[in-house]
Amino acid sequence: MNLRLDIDIQKLEIEKLRKGKTKAEEELDSLKIDYKKLRL
């Protein structure tokens, strides 16, 4: 039972990290676009 709970917690943490990574990548892309616009 404890092992199953540990696995569920790890899955949730991994999913949270993936969402954070995706959001960070989107923000980075947005910043790159803004920087390109400013340089022009």
N, C-alpha and C. Protein backbone atom coordinates (compact mmCIF):
# COMPACT_ATOMS: atom_id res chain seq x y z
N MET A 1 0.82 -1.20 0.00
CA MET A 1 0.00 0.00 0.00
C MET A 1 0.87 1.26 0.00
N ASN A 2 1.87 1.30 0.87
CA ASN A 2 2.76 2.47 0.91
C ASN A 2 3.51 2.65 -0.40
N LEU A 3 3.93 1.53 -0.99
CA LEU A 3 4.66 1.61 -2.25
C LEU A 3 3.79 2.23 -3.34
N ARG A 4 2.53 1.84 -3.37
CA ARG A 4 1.60 2.38 -4.37
C ARG A 4 1.43 3.89 -4.18
N LEU A 5 1.33 4.32 -2.94
CA LEU A 5 1.21 5.76 -2.66
C LEU A 5 2.46 6.51 -3.09
N ASP A 6 3.62 5.93 -2.82
CA ASP A 6 4.88 6.56 -3.23
C ASP A 6 4.94 6.71 -4.75
N ILE A 7 4.50 5.69 -5.46
CA ILE A 7 4.53 5.74 -6.93
C ILE A 7 3.58 6.82 -7.43
N ASP A 8 2.39 6.91 -6.83
CA ASP A 8 1.43 7.94 -7.23
C ASP A 8 1.99 9.33 -6.98
N ILE A 9 2.63 9.52 -5.85
CA ILE A 9 3.22 10.82 -5.52
C ILE A 9 4.31 11.17 -6.52
N GLN A 10 5.15 10.20 -6.87
CA GLN A 10 6.22 10.45 -7.84
C GLN A 10 5.65 10.81 -9.21
N LYS A 11 4.57 10.13 -9.61
CA LYS A 11 3.94 10.45 -10.90
C LYS A 11 3.42 11.87 -10.91
N LEU A 12 2.80 12.28 -9.81
CA LEU A 12 2.29 13.65 -9.73
C LEU A 12 3.41 14.67 -9.78
N GLU A 13 4.52 14.39 -9.09
CA GLU A 13 5.65 15.31 -9.10
C GLU A 13 6.26 15.42 -10.49
N ILE A 14 6.38 14.30 -11.18
CA ILE A 14 6.93 14.32 -12.54
C ILE A 14 6.03 15.12 -13.46
N GLU A 15 4.73 14.91 -13.34
CA GLU A 15 3.78 15.66 -14.18
C GLU A 15 3.88 17.16 -13.90
N LYS A 16 4.03 17.51 -12.64
CA LYS A 16 4.16 18.93 -12.26
C LYS A 16 5.43 19.52 -12.87
N LEU A 17 6.54 18.76 -12.84
CA LEU A 17 7.79 19.24 -13.41
C LEU A 17 7.68 19.41 -14.92
N ARG A 18 7.00 18.48 -15.58
CA ARG A 18 6.84 18.58 -17.03
C ARG A 18 6.04 19.81 -17.41
N LYS A 19 4.97 20.09 -16.65
CA LYS A 19 4.16 21.27 -16.93
C LYS A 19 4.99 22.53 -16.73
N GLY A 20 5.80 22.55 -15.67
CA GLY A 20 6.66 23.70 -15.40
C GLY A 20 7.67 23.90 -16.50
N LYS A 21 8.23 22.80 -16.99
CA LYS A 21 9.22 22.89 -18.07
C LYS A 21 8.58 23.44 -19.34
N THR A 22 7.39 22.96 -19.65
CA THR A 22 6.68 23.44 -20.84
C THR A 22 6.40 24.92 -20.74
N LYS A 23 5.96 25.35 -19.57
CA LYS A 23 5.66 26.77 -19.36
C LYS A 23 6.92 27.61 -19.50
N ALA A 24 8.02 27.14 -18.94
CA ALA A 24 9.28 27.86 -19.02
C ALA A 24 9.75 27.98 -20.47
N GLU A 25 9.58 26.90 -21.24
CA GLU A 25 9.98 26.93 -22.65
C GLU A 25 9.14 27.93 -23.43
N GLU A 26 7.84 27.98 -23.13
CA GLU A 26 6.96 28.94 -23.82
C GLU A 26 7.37 30.37 -23.49
N GLU A 27 7.69 30.62 -22.23
CA GLU A 27 8.11 31.96 -21.82
C GLU A 27 9.44 32.34 -22.49
N LEU A 28 10.35 31.38 -22.60
CA LEU A 28 11.63 31.64 -23.26
C LEU A 28 11.42 31.98 -24.73
N ASP A 29 10.56 31.24 -25.40
CA ASP A 29 10.26 31.53 -26.80
C ASP A 29 9.68 32.93 -26.95
N SER A 30 8.79 33.28 -26.04
CA SER A 30 8.17 34.61 -26.07
C SER A 30 9.23 35.69 -25.89
N LEU A 31 10.15 35.48 -24.96
CA LEU A 31 11.21 36.46 -24.73
C LEU A 31 12.12 36.58 -25.96
N LYS A 32 12.41 35.47 -26.61
CA LYS A 32 13.24 35.52 -27.81
C LYS A 32 12.57 36.34 -28.91
N ILE A 33 11.26 36.14 -29.06
CA ILE A 33 10.51 36.89 -30.07
C ILE A 33 10.54 38.38 -29.74
N ASP A 34 10.30 38.70 -28.48
CA ASP A 34 10.32 40.12 -28.06
C ASP A 34 11.69 40.73 -28.30
N TYR A 35 12.75 39.99 -28.01
CA TYR A 35 14.11 40.50 -28.20
C TYR A 35 14.37 40.77 -29.68
N LYS A 36 13.93 39.86 -30.54
CA LYS A 36 14.11 40.05 -31.97
C LYS A 36 13.39 41.31 -32.46
N LYS A 37 12.16 41.51 -31.93
CA LYS A 37 11.41 42.71 -32.32
C LYS A 37 12.11 43.99 -31.88
N LEU A 38 12.67 43.96 -30.68
CA LEU A 38 13.36 45.14 -30.16
C LEU A 38 14.61 45.47 -30.96
N ARG A 39 15.29 44.42 -31.44
CA ARG A 39 16.54 44.66 -32.20
C ARG A 39 16.25 45.28 -33.55
N LEU A 40 15.08 45.05 -34.10
CA LEU A 40 14.76 45.56 -35.46
C LEU A 40 14.41 47.01 -35.48
